[in-house]
N, C-alpha and C. Protein backbone atom coordinates (compact mmCIF):
# COMPACT_ATOMS: atom_id res chain seq x y z
N UNK A 1 -99.09 13.42 -102.73
CA UNK A 1 -99.24 14.01 -101.41
C UNK A 1 -97.86 14.46 -100.92
N UNK A 2 -97.84 15.61 -100.29
CA UNK A 2 -96.57 16.19 -99.85
C UNK A 2 -96.18 15.62 -98.48
N UNK A 3 -94.90 15.45 -98.29
CA UNK A 3 -94.32 14.98 -97.04
C UNK A 3 -94.63 15.99 -95.92
N UNK A 4 -94.97 15.52 -94.74
CA UNK A 4 -95.38 16.38 -93.62
C UNK A 4 -94.26 17.35 -93.20
N UNK A 5 -93.03 16.88 -93.20
CA UNK A 5 -91.90 17.74 -92.82
C UNK A 5 -91.74 18.89 -93.82
N UNK A 6 -91.90 18.58 -95.10
CA UNK A 6 -91.82 19.61 -96.15
C UNK A 6 -93.01 20.56 -96.02
N UNK A 7 -94.19 20.00 -95.76
CA UNK A 7 -95.38 20.83 -95.59
C UNK A 7 -95.18 21.86 -94.48
N UNK A 8 -94.68 21.42 -93.34
CA UNK A 8 -94.45 22.34 -92.21
C UNK A 8 -93.41 23.39 -92.56
N UNK A 9 -92.39 23.01 -93.29
CA UNK A 9 -91.36 23.97 -93.70
C UNK A 9 -91.93 25.00 -94.68
N UNK A 10 -92.82 24.58 -95.56
CA UNK A 10 -93.45 25.52 -96.49
C UNK A 10 -94.39 26.46 -95.74
N UNK A 11 -95.11 25.94 -94.77
CA UNK A 11 -95.98 26.79 -93.95
C UNK A 11 -95.14 27.87 -93.26
N UNK A 12 -93.97 27.49 -92.78
CA UNK A 12 -93.06 28.46 -92.18
C UNK A 12 -92.62 29.50 -93.22
N UNK A 13 -92.34 29.05 -94.44
CA UNK A 13 -91.90 29.97 -95.49
C UNK A 13 -93.04 30.91 -95.90
N UNK A 14 -94.26 30.44 -95.85
CA UNK A 14 -95.41 31.32 -96.12
C UNK A 14 -95.41 32.46 -95.12
N UNK A 15 -95.14 32.14 -93.87
CA UNK A 15 -95.08 33.18 -92.83
C UNK A 15 -93.92 34.15 -93.10
N UNK A 16 -92.77 33.62 -93.50
CA UNK A 16 -91.61 34.47 -93.82
C UNK A 16 -91.97 35.44 -94.94
N UNK A 17 -92.60 34.93 -95.99
CA UNK A 17 -92.95 35.77 -97.13
C UNK A 17 -94.02 36.80 -96.75
N UNK A 18 -94.99 36.39 -95.94
CA UNK A 18 -96.01 37.33 -95.48
C UNK A 18 -95.40 38.44 -94.63
N UNK A 19 -94.50 38.06 -93.73
CA UNK A 19 -93.83 39.07 -92.91
C UNK A 19 -92.98 40.00 -93.78
N UNK A 20 -92.33 39.45 -94.78
CA UNK A 20 -91.52 40.28 -95.68
C UNK A 20 -92.39 41.34 -96.34
N UNK A 21 -93.56 40.94 -96.79
CA UNK A 21 -94.48 41.88 -97.42
C UNK A 21 -94.87 42.98 -96.43
N UNK A 22 -95.19 42.60 -95.21
CA UNK A 22 -95.58 43.58 -94.19
C UNK A 22 -94.42 44.49 -93.81
N UNK A 23 -93.23 43.94 -93.70
CA UNK A 23 -92.05 44.73 -93.36
C UNK A 23 -91.79 45.79 -94.42
N UNK A 24 -91.83 45.38 -95.69
CA UNK A 24 -91.57 46.33 -96.76
C UNK A 24 -92.70 47.35 -96.87
N UNK A 25 -93.91 46.96 -96.53
CA UNK A 25 -95.02 47.91 -96.51
C UNK A 25 -94.80 48.97 -95.43
N UNK A 26 -94.34 48.53 -94.28
CA UNK A 26 -94.04 49.46 -93.20
C UNK A 26 -92.91 50.42 -93.59
N UNK A 27 -91.88 49.87 -94.22
CA UNK A 27 -90.77 50.71 -94.68
C UNK A 27 -91.23 51.69 -95.75
N UNK A 28 -92.08 51.22 -96.66
CA UNK A 28 -92.59 52.10 -97.72
C UNK A 28 -93.39 53.25 -97.12
N UNK A 29 -94.20 52.95 -96.13
CA UNK A 29 -94.99 53.99 -95.47
C UNK A 29 -94.08 55.02 -94.80
N UNK A 30 -93.04 54.53 -94.13
CA UNK A 30 -92.07 55.45 -93.49
C UNK A 30 -91.43 56.34 -94.55
N UNK A 31 -91.02 55.74 -95.66
CA UNK A 31 -90.40 56.53 -96.74
C UNK A 31 -91.38 57.57 -97.27
N UNK A 32 -92.64 57.16 -97.43
CA UNK A 32 -93.68 58.05 -97.94
C UNK A 32 -93.81 59.29 -97.07
N UNK A 33 -93.88 59.11 -95.76
CA UNK A 33 -94.10 60.26 -94.87
C UNK A 33 -92.82 61.04 -94.59
N UNK A 34 -91.69 60.51 -95.02
CA UNK A 34 -90.42 61.22 -94.80
C UNK A 34 -89.84 61.79 -96.08
N UNK A 35 -90.64 61.85 -97.14
CA UNK A 35 -90.24 62.54 -98.36
C UNK A 35 -89.42 61.73 -99.35
N UNK A 36 -89.40 60.43 -99.21
CA UNK A 36 -88.64 59.58 -100.14
C UNK A 36 -89.62 58.84 -101.04
N UNK A 37 -90.24 59.59 -101.95
CA UNK A 37 -91.29 59.03 -102.80
C UNK A 37 -90.78 57.88 -103.67
N UNK A 38 -89.60 58.00 -104.23
CA UNK A 38 -89.05 56.94 -105.08
C UNK A 38 -88.76 55.68 -104.28
N UNK A 39 -88.17 55.84 -103.11
CA UNK A 39 -87.90 54.69 -102.25
C UNK A 39 -89.22 54.05 -101.81
N UNK A 40 -90.22 54.89 -101.53
CA UNK A 40 -91.53 54.36 -101.15
C UNK A 40 -92.11 53.53 -102.29
N UNK A 41 -92.05 54.07 -103.50
CA UNK A 41 -92.58 53.33 -104.65
C UNK A 41 -91.84 52.00 -104.83
N UNK A 42 -90.52 52.04 -104.70
CA UNK A 42 -89.71 50.82 -104.81
C UNK A 42 -90.15 49.80 -103.77
N UNK A 43 -90.31 50.24 -102.52
CA UNK A 43 -90.67 49.32 -101.44
C UNK A 43 -92.12 48.86 -101.53
N UNK A 44 -93.02 49.72 -102.02
CA UNK A 44 -94.39 49.26 -102.26
C UNK A 44 -94.39 48.14 -103.30
N UNK A 45 -93.55 48.28 -104.31
CA UNK A 45 -93.43 47.23 -105.32
C UNK A 45 -92.87 45.95 -104.69
N UNK A 46 -91.90 46.08 -103.81
CA UNK A 46 -91.35 44.92 -103.12
C UNK A 46 -92.42 44.23 -102.28
N UNK A 47 -93.29 45.03 -101.67
CA UNK A 47 -94.39 44.48 -100.88
C UNK A 47 -95.25 43.55 -101.73
N UNK A 48 -95.61 44.02 -102.91
CA UNK A 48 -96.43 43.21 -103.81
C UNK A 48 -95.69 41.95 -104.25
N UNK A 49 -94.40 42.09 -104.50
CA UNK A 49 -93.60 40.94 -104.94
C UNK A 49 -93.55 39.87 -103.85
N UNK A 50 -93.36 40.29 -102.61
CA UNK A 50 -93.30 39.34 -101.50
C UNK A 50 -94.66 38.66 -101.30
N UNK A 51 -95.73 39.41 -101.49
CA UNK A 51 -97.07 38.82 -101.39
C UNK A 51 -97.25 37.76 -102.48
N UNK A 52 -96.76 38.05 -103.67
CA UNK A 52 -96.84 37.09 -104.77
C UNK A 52 -96.03 35.83 -104.44
N UNK A 53 -94.88 36.01 -103.81
CA UNK A 53 -94.08 34.86 -103.38
C UNK A 53 -94.88 34.00 -102.39
N UNK A 54 -95.52 34.66 -101.45
CA UNK A 54 -96.32 33.95 -100.46
C UNK A 54 -97.41 33.14 -101.15
N UNK A 55 -98.09 33.75 -102.12
CA UNK A 55 -99.16 33.06 -102.84
C UNK A 55 -98.63 31.87 -103.63
N UNK A 56 -97.43 31.99 -104.19
CA UNK A 56 -96.84 30.85 -104.91
C UNK A 56 -96.66 29.66 -103.97
N UNK A 57 -96.19 29.92 -102.77
CA UNK A 57 -96.02 28.84 -101.79
C UNK A 57 -97.37 28.25 -101.38
N UNK A 58 -98.36 29.10 -101.18
CA UNK A 58 -99.70 28.63 -100.81
C UNK A 58 -100.25 27.71 -101.90
N UNK A 59 -100.19 28.17 -103.14
CA UNK A 59 -100.71 27.37 -104.25
C UNK A 59 -99.95 26.05 -104.40
N UNK A 60 -98.64 26.11 -104.29
CA UNK A 60 -97.84 24.88 -104.43
C UNK A 60 -98.25 23.86 -103.37
N UNK A 61 -98.34 24.31 -102.14
CA UNK A 61 -98.66 23.39 -101.05
C UNK A 61 -100.07 22.81 -101.22
N UNK A 62 -101.03 23.65 -101.54
CA UNK A 62 -102.40 23.16 -101.70
C UNK A 62 -102.54 22.22 -102.90
N UNK A 63 -101.81 22.51 -103.98
CA UNK A 63 -101.85 21.65 -105.17
C UNK A 63 -101.22 20.28 -104.91
N UNK A 64 -100.36 20.20 -103.91
CA UNK A 64 -99.69 18.93 -103.59
C UNK A 64 -100.41 18.18 -102.46
N UNK A 65 -101.65 18.52 -102.23
CA UNK A 65 -102.50 17.88 -101.22
C UNK A 65 -102.07 18.20 -99.79
N UNK A 66 -101.39 19.32 -99.64
CA UNK A 66 -101.09 19.83 -98.31
C UNK A 66 -102.17 20.84 -97.95
N UNK A 67 -101.95 21.56 -96.88
CA UNK A 67 -102.88 22.60 -96.47
C UNK A 67 -102.08 23.80 -95.99
N UNK A 68 -102.11 24.84 -96.79
CA UNK A 68 -101.39 26.06 -96.44
C UNK A 68 -102.12 26.78 -95.32
N UNK A 69 -101.49 26.84 -94.18
CA UNK A 69 -102.06 27.54 -93.03
C UNK A 69 -101.48 28.94 -92.98
N UNK A 70 -102.32 29.90 -92.66
CA UNK A 70 -101.91 31.30 -92.62
C UNK A 70 -101.88 31.73 -91.16
N UNK A 71 -100.70 32.11 -90.71
CA UNK A 71 -100.54 32.47 -89.30
C UNK A 71 -100.58 33.99 -89.13
N UNK A 72 -100.80 34.40 -87.91
CA UNK A 72 -100.73 35.82 -87.57
C UNK A 72 -99.27 36.26 -87.69
N UNK A 73 -99.09 37.49 -88.08
CA UNK A 73 -97.73 38.03 -88.24
C UNK A 73 -97.44 39.03 -87.15
N UNK A 74 -96.19 39.06 -86.70
CA UNK A 74 -95.81 40.08 -85.72
C UNK A 74 -95.72 41.42 -86.45
N UNK A 75 -96.01 42.47 -85.73
CA UNK A 75 -95.98 43.80 -86.32
C UNK A 75 -94.54 44.19 -86.62
N UNK A 76 -94.27 44.62 -87.85
CA UNK A 76 -92.90 45.05 -88.17
C UNK A 76 -92.60 46.42 -87.58
N UNK A 77 -91.32 46.72 -87.47
CA UNK A 77 -90.93 48.07 -87.04
C UNK A 77 -91.56 49.09 -87.97
N UNK A 78 -91.79 50.28 -87.44
CA UNK A 78 -92.36 51.34 -88.27
C UNK A 78 -91.59 52.65 -88.15
N UNK A 79 -90.55 52.65 -87.36
CA UNK A 79 -89.67 53.81 -87.23
C UNK A 79 -88.25 53.40 -87.64
N UNK A 80 -87.62 54.23 -88.44
CA UNK A 80 -86.28 53.94 -88.93
C UNK A 80 -85.42 55.19 -88.74
N UNK A 81 -84.12 54.98 -88.55
CA UNK A 81 -83.19 56.09 -88.27
C UNK A 81 -82.95 56.96 -89.50
N UNK A 82 -82.89 56.32 -90.65
CA UNK A 82 -82.53 57.04 -91.88
C UNK A 82 -82.87 56.15 -93.07
N UNK A 83 -82.78 56.71 -94.25
CA UNK A 83 -83.00 55.93 -95.45
C UNK A 83 -81.92 54.85 -95.60
N UNK A 84 -80.71 55.18 -95.18
CA UNK A 84 -79.62 54.20 -95.20
C UNK A 84 -79.96 53.03 -94.28
N UNK A 85 -80.50 53.35 -93.11
CA UNK A 85 -80.92 52.31 -92.16
C UNK A 85 -81.98 51.41 -92.77
N UNK A 86 -82.93 52.00 -93.49
CA UNK A 86 -83.97 51.20 -94.15
C UNK A 86 -83.35 50.16 -95.06
N UNK A 87 -82.42 50.59 -95.93
CA UNK A 87 -81.86 49.65 -96.90
C UNK A 87 -80.85 48.69 -96.28
N UNK A 88 -80.21 49.10 -95.18
CA UNK A 88 -79.39 48.13 -94.43
C UNK A 88 -80.28 47.00 -93.89
N UNK A 89 -81.44 47.39 -93.38
CA UNK A 89 -82.38 46.39 -92.85
C UNK A 89 -82.96 45.52 -93.97
N UNK A 90 -83.21 46.12 -95.13
CA UNK A 90 -83.69 45.33 -96.27
C UNK A 90 -82.65 44.28 -96.63
N UNK A 91 -81.38 44.69 -96.66
CA UNK A 91 -80.32 43.74 -97.00
C UNK A 91 -80.27 42.59 -96.00
N UNK A 92 -80.31 42.92 -94.72
CA UNK A 92 -80.28 41.88 -93.68
C UNK A 92 -81.49 40.95 -93.82
N UNK A 93 -82.64 41.53 -94.12
CA UNK A 93 -83.84 40.71 -94.25
C UNK A 93 -83.75 39.80 -95.47
N UNK A 94 -83.25 40.32 -96.59
CA UNK A 94 -83.11 39.48 -97.79
C UNK A 94 -82.12 38.33 -97.54
N UNK A 95 -81.08 38.58 -96.78
CA UNK A 95 -80.14 37.51 -96.43
C UNK A 95 -80.84 36.46 -95.56
N UNK A 96 -81.70 36.92 -94.65
CA UNK A 96 -82.49 36.00 -93.83
C UNK A 96 -83.40 35.14 -94.70
N UNK A 97 -84.07 35.77 -95.68
CA UNK A 97 -84.96 35.03 -96.58
C UNK A 97 -84.17 34.02 -97.40
N UNK A 98 -83.00 34.42 -97.89
CA UNK A 98 -82.15 33.49 -98.64
C UNK A 98 -81.81 32.27 -97.79
N UNK A 99 -81.44 32.48 -96.54
CA UNK A 99 -81.14 31.36 -95.64
C UNK A 99 -82.36 30.48 -95.43
N UNK A 100 -83.51 31.10 -95.32
CA UNK A 100 -84.75 30.35 -95.13
C UNK A 100 -85.06 29.47 -96.35
N UNK A 101 -84.89 30.02 -97.55
CA UNK A 101 -85.10 29.25 -98.78
C UNK A 101 -84.08 28.12 -98.86
N UNK A 102 -82.83 28.41 -98.53
CA UNK A 102 -81.80 27.37 -98.56
C UNK A 102 -82.11 26.24 -97.56
N UNK A 103 -82.60 26.60 -96.39
CA UNK A 103 -82.99 25.57 -95.40
C UNK A 103 -84.14 24.73 -95.92
N UNK A 104 -85.08 25.36 -96.58
CA UNK A 104 -86.19 24.63 -97.16
C UNK A 104 -85.70 23.69 -98.26
N UNK A 105 -84.75 24.15 -99.04
CA UNK A 105 -84.16 23.30 -100.08
C UNK A 105 -83.46 22.10 -99.44
N UNK A 106 -82.75 22.32 -98.33
CA UNK A 106 -82.09 21.21 -97.62
C UNK A 106 -83.11 20.18 -97.14
N UNK A 107 -84.24 20.65 -96.61
CA UNK A 107 -85.28 19.73 -96.15
C UNK A 107 -85.83 18.92 -97.32
N UNK A 108 -86.05 19.58 -98.44
CA UNK A 108 -86.56 18.88 -99.63
C UNK A 108 -85.57 17.81 -100.09
N UNK A 109 -84.29 18.14 -100.04
CA UNK A 109 -83.27 17.16 -100.44
C UNK A 109 -83.26 15.97 -99.49
N UNK A 110 -83.27 16.24 -98.20
CA UNK A 110 -83.21 15.13 -97.23
C UNK A 110 -84.48 14.28 -97.27
N UNK A 111 -85.61 14.88 -97.63
CA UNK A 111 -86.88 14.15 -97.71
C UNK A 111 -87.16 13.61 -99.11
N UNK A 112 -86.23 13.85 -100.01
CA UNK A 112 -86.34 13.40 -101.41
C UNK A 112 -87.61 13.92 -102.10
N UNK A 113 -87.95 15.17 -101.79
CA UNK A 113 -89.09 15.82 -102.44
C UNK A 113 -88.54 16.67 -103.59
N UNK A 114 -88.28 16.02 -104.70
CA UNK A 114 -87.65 16.67 -105.84
C UNK A 114 -88.61 17.61 -106.56
N UNK A 115 -89.89 17.37 -106.43
CA UNK A 115 -90.88 18.26 -107.04
C UNK A 115 -90.81 19.63 -106.38
N UNK A 116 -90.81 19.65 -105.06
CA UNK A 116 -90.73 20.92 -104.34
C UNK A 116 -89.35 21.55 -104.52
N UNK A 117 -88.30 20.74 -104.55
CA UNK A 117 -86.95 21.28 -104.79
C UNK A 117 -86.90 21.97 -106.16
N UNK A 118 -87.53 21.38 -107.15
CA UNK A 118 -87.59 21.99 -108.47
C UNK A 118 -88.36 23.31 -108.41
N UNK A 119 -89.48 23.32 -107.72
CA UNK A 119 -90.28 24.52 -107.51
C UNK A 119 -89.45 25.62 -106.83
N UNK A 120 -88.63 25.23 -105.86
CA UNK A 120 -87.83 26.18 -105.09
C UNK A 120 -86.71 26.83 -105.90
N UNK A 121 -86.30 26.18 -106.97
CA UNK A 121 -85.18 26.72 -107.75
C UNK A 121 -85.47 28.15 -108.22
N UNK A 122 -86.72 28.44 -108.55
CA UNK A 122 -87.08 29.80 -108.96
C UNK A 122 -86.78 30.78 -107.82
N UNK A 123 -87.10 30.38 -106.58
CA UNK A 123 -86.86 31.24 -105.43
C UNK A 123 -85.37 31.41 -105.14
N UNK A 124 -84.59 30.36 -105.37
CA UNK A 124 -83.13 30.46 -105.21
C UNK A 124 -82.60 31.54 -106.15
N UNK A 125 -83.03 31.49 -107.41
CA UNK A 125 -82.59 32.49 -108.38
C UNK A 125 -83.12 33.88 -108.04
N UNK A 126 -84.34 33.95 -107.57
CA UNK A 126 -84.94 35.23 -107.18
C UNK A 126 -84.15 35.88 -106.05
N UNK A 127 -83.71 35.09 -105.09
CA UNK A 127 -82.95 35.64 -103.98
C UNK A 127 -81.59 36.17 -104.43
N UNK A 128 -80.98 35.55 -105.40
CA UNK A 128 -79.72 36.08 -105.94
C UNK A 128 -79.98 37.48 -106.49
N UNK A 129 -81.06 37.62 -107.24
CA UNK A 129 -81.42 38.92 -107.82
C UNK A 129 -81.76 39.94 -106.74
N UNK A 130 -82.53 39.53 -105.74
CA UNK A 130 -82.93 40.45 -104.67
C UNK A 130 -81.72 40.97 -103.90
N UNK A 131 -80.83 40.07 -103.52
CA UNK A 131 -79.65 40.51 -102.77
C UNK A 131 -78.76 41.42 -103.61
N UNK A 132 -78.62 41.12 -104.89
CA UNK A 132 -77.80 41.95 -105.77
C UNK A 132 -78.41 43.34 -105.92
N UNK A 133 -79.72 43.41 -106.05
CA UNK A 133 -80.40 44.71 -106.18
C UNK A 133 -80.18 45.57 -104.96
N UNK A 134 -80.37 44.98 -103.78
CA UNK A 134 -80.20 45.74 -102.54
C UNK A 134 -78.74 46.16 -102.37
N UNK A 135 -77.82 45.29 -102.72
CA UNK A 135 -76.40 45.65 -102.62
C UNK A 135 -76.07 46.82 -103.54
N UNK A 136 -76.64 46.83 -104.73
CA UNK A 136 -76.43 47.95 -105.66
C UNK A 136 -76.97 49.24 -105.06
N UNK A 137 -78.13 49.19 -104.44
CA UNK A 137 -78.71 50.38 -103.80
C UNK A 137 -77.79 50.86 -102.68
N UNK A 138 -77.32 49.94 -101.84
CA UNK A 138 -76.43 50.33 -100.74
C UNK A 138 -75.11 50.89 -101.25
N UNK A 139 -74.57 50.30 -102.31
CA UNK A 139 -73.33 50.82 -102.90
C UNK A 139 -73.53 52.25 -103.39
N UNK A 140 -74.66 52.52 -104.00
CA UNK A 140 -74.93 53.87 -104.51
C UNK A 140 -75.15 54.85 -103.36
N UNK A 141 -75.79 54.41 -102.30
CA UNK A 141 -75.97 55.27 -101.13
C UNK A 141 -74.60 55.64 -100.55
N UNK A 142 -73.68 54.67 -100.49
CA UNK A 142 -72.33 54.95 -99.98
C UNK A 142 -71.61 55.97 -100.85
N UNK A 143 -71.86 55.94 -102.14
CA UNK A 143 -71.22 56.90 -103.05
C UNK A 143 -71.71 58.33 -102.84
N UNK A 144 -72.84 58.47 -102.18
CA UNK A 144 -73.41 59.80 -101.98
C UNK A 144 -72.58 60.66 -101.04
N UNK A 145 -71.78 60.04 -100.21
CA UNK A 145 -70.93 60.81 -99.31
C UNK A 145 -71.56 61.07 -97.97
N UNK A 146 -70.97 62.03 -97.26
CA UNK A 146 -71.38 62.32 -95.89
C UNK A 146 -72.80 62.88 -95.81
N UNK A 147 -73.18 63.71 -96.73
CA UNK A 147 -74.50 64.34 -96.69
C UNK A 147 -75.52 63.45 -97.39
N UNK A 148 -75.67 62.24 -96.88
CA UNK A 148 -76.50 61.24 -97.55
C UNK A 148 -77.96 61.67 -97.65
N UNK A 149 -78.49 62.24 -96.61
CA UNK A 149 -79.91 62.58 -96.63
C UNK A 149 -80.21 63.62 -97.72
N UNK A 150 -79.37 64.62 -97.85
CA UNK A 150 -79.60 65.63 -98.88
C UNK A 150 -79.33 65.07 -100.26
N UNK A 151 -78.31 64.25 -100.40
CA UNK A 151 -77.94 63.69 -101.69
C UNK A 151 -78.86 62.57 -102.14
N UNK A 152 -79.66 62.07 -101.22
CA UNK A 152 -80.50 60.93 -101.56
C UNK A 152 -81.58 61.28 -102.58
N UNK A 153 -81.82 62.55 -102.78
CA UNK A 153 -82.85 62.96 -103.74
C UNK A 153 -82.62 62.30 -105.09
N UNK A 154 -81.39 62.32 -105.59
CA UNK A 154 -81.10 61.72 -106.89
C UNK A 154 -81.27 60.19 -106.84
N UNK A 155 -80.83 59.60 -105.77
CA UNK A 155 -80.98 58.16 -105.61
C UNK A 155 -82.45 57.80 -105.53
N UNK A 156 -83.23 58.64 -104.87
CA UNK A 156 -84.66 58.40 -104.74
C UNK A 156 -85.32 58.34 -106.11
N UNK A 157 -84.92 59.21 -107.00
CA UNK A 157 -85.47 59.20 -108.36
C UNK A 157 -85.08 57.91 -109.09
N UNK A 158 -83.87 57.44 -108.87
CA UNK A 158 -83.44 56.19 -109.51
C UNK A 158 -84.24 55.00 -108.97
N UNK A 159 -84.54 55.00 -107.69
CA UNK A 159 -85.35 53.93 -107.11
C UNK A 159 -86.75 53.92 -107.72
N UNK A 160 -87.27 55.10 -107.98
CA UNK A 160 -88.59 55.19 -108.61
C UNK A 160 -88.56 54.55 -110.00
N UNK A 161 -87.50 54.83 -110.75
CA UNK A 161 -87.34 54.24 -112.08
C UNK A 161 -87.22 52.72 -111.97
N UNK A 162 -86.47 52.24 -110.98
CA UNK A 162 -86.32 50.80 -110.77
C UNK A 162 -87.67 50.15 -110.47
N UNK A 163 -88.47 50.82 -109.65
CA UNK A 163 -89.79 50.28 -109.31
C UNK A 163 -90.68 50.20 -110.54
N UNK A 164 -90.65 51.23 -111.35
CA UNK A 164 -91.46 51.25 -112.57
C UNK A 164 -91.01 50.14 -113.52
N UNK A 165 -89.70 49.93 -113.62
CA UNK A 165 -89.18 48.86 -114.48
C UNK A 165 -89.63 47.49 -113.99
N UNK A 166 -89.64 47.29 -112.67
CA UNK A 166 -90.09 46.00 -112.11
C UNK A 166 -91.57 45.79 -112.39
N UNK A 167 -92.37 46.85 -112.27
CA UNK A 167 -93.80 46.74 -112.56
C UNK A 167 -94.01 46.35 -114.02
N UNK A 168 -93.26 46.99 -114.91
CA UNK A 168 -93.38 46.70 -116.34
C UNK A 168 -92.95 45.27 -116.64
N UNK A 169 -91.87 44.81 -116.01
CA UNK A 169 -91.40 43.43 -116.24
C UNK A 169 -92.41 42.42 -115.73
N UNK A 170 -93.02 42.71 -114.58
CA UNK A 170 -94.03 41.80 -114.02
C UNK A 170 -95.25 41.73 -114.94
N UNK A 171 -95.65 42.88 -115.45
CA UNK A 171 -96.81 42.92 -116.35
C UNK A 171 -96.52 42.16 -117.63
N UNK A 172 -95.30 42.30 -118.15
CA UNK A 172 -94.91 41.58 -119.36
C UNK A 172 -94.89 40.08 -119.12
N UNK A 173 -94.43 39.67 -117.95
CA UNK A 173 -94.38 38.24 -117.62
C UNK A 173 -95.79 37.65 -117.54
N UNK A 174 -96.72 38.41 -116.99
CA UNK A 174 -98.11 37.94 -116.88
C UNK A 174 -98.71 37.80 -118.28
N UNK A 175 -98.46 38.78 -119.14
CA UNK A 175 -98.99 38.74 -120.51
C UNK A 175 -98.37 37.60 -121.31
N UNK A 176 -97.14 37.24 -121.02
CA UNK A 176 -96.44 36.19 -121.77
C UNK A 176 -96.91 34.79 -121.41
N UNK A 177 -97.58 34.64 -120.26
CA UNK A 177 -98.06 33.32 -119.85
C UNK A 177 -99.20 32.90 -120.77
N UNK A 178 -99.20 31.62 -121.17
CA UNK A 178 -100.27 31.13 -122.05
C UNK A 178 -101.61 31.06 -121.37
């Protein structure tokens, strides 16, 4: 049976992951209607990934005799200043998620819930990857120069390739499971 303090922290993390999925979905939709098809595809893929993260937390909690509660989510923003603004916000949000995972890890340590701490290690590593990916995107956007919106066309194509690669890696991981 899972410790009540850990259970409540996981329920909070389920909400964080659900909101992340909705936020990226909103950003993807904005990109879609503003001509950034590659960025939209990348963010649609992120939406699915965040939903998968949420489900991992739900399953973990329920398997440990807890009860994963699903809360209502606040509506994410749906208007953005620019594509650069979108990815600046993605970076800030990923940093927020990293802090949330780290706080959850702290709670697990203080409550001596080593099973959940072990489960969380995957998320710790995932956040390192997520932050690095977004930083790479922002670094490339900065390289585009002053005319970022016009130059983003090439970056948009690269984001599409990144999204396709993530889809392929996810499919390969599913096939590799026994």
